[in-house]
Amino acid sequence: MNRRLFCQFPLVAAALLGEANAMQQPAKGFKVESRKDRFNEELLLMGGQFDCKVSSKDTGGELCIYDTFRREKGGPALHMHYRQDEWFFVMQGEFVVKVGNDLLELKAGDSAFAPRQVPHTFAKTSDGEARMLILFQPAGSIEEFFKAMVDLGPTIPSGREQALKTLFRIHGMKLLGPPLQV
């Protein structure tokens, strides 16, 4: 293969993969009602309800958005994503988000960004119900991860650290420590 063709190959491959992803996306918009999941699934995990609003199936794997409702204080374990950015937008209640060494206090209307490969976690800190949108970009296998977490139970399972570490690793993340104490 000559050098010119060799240099052009990645560009052509990327274009073809982009077209394949575009073909998997829906041809029109859609509505997901309040307090409903995109696929009418019930995901109760890590002390909250996770309703998928935009699926990786809708975006060719580029984006996934969950609307989360939390009644109990707390949140997920400290972790990081190898290839995903995560964005948090508080719609109701108050949360604390840890990104790297920074502890960010969020209330309704505030948002926080956790870049890929940076340790992060969050916890609900207010009384009553709280609500937060969580966006993953690219989507990766986050939906499959959440479904597998449901099989472990609605709270973070104690005594199952190795199973959790394996689950995180399979889905492109690393479990780094316990949840925030609130």
Foldseek 3Di string as FASTA:
>chain_A
DDPVCVVCVVVVVVVVLVVVLVVQADPDDDDADPPAAPVRDWQQAAQWTWHWGADCSNRSQFKTKTKIKHQDKWWFFWKFFQPKKKKKAWQAAWKWKDWANDIRIDHHGDMDIHGGPTIMIMIGDGHGMTIMMMMIGRNQCVVVLSVVRVVVPNHDDPPCVVVVQVSQVVRRMGGDGGIDDD
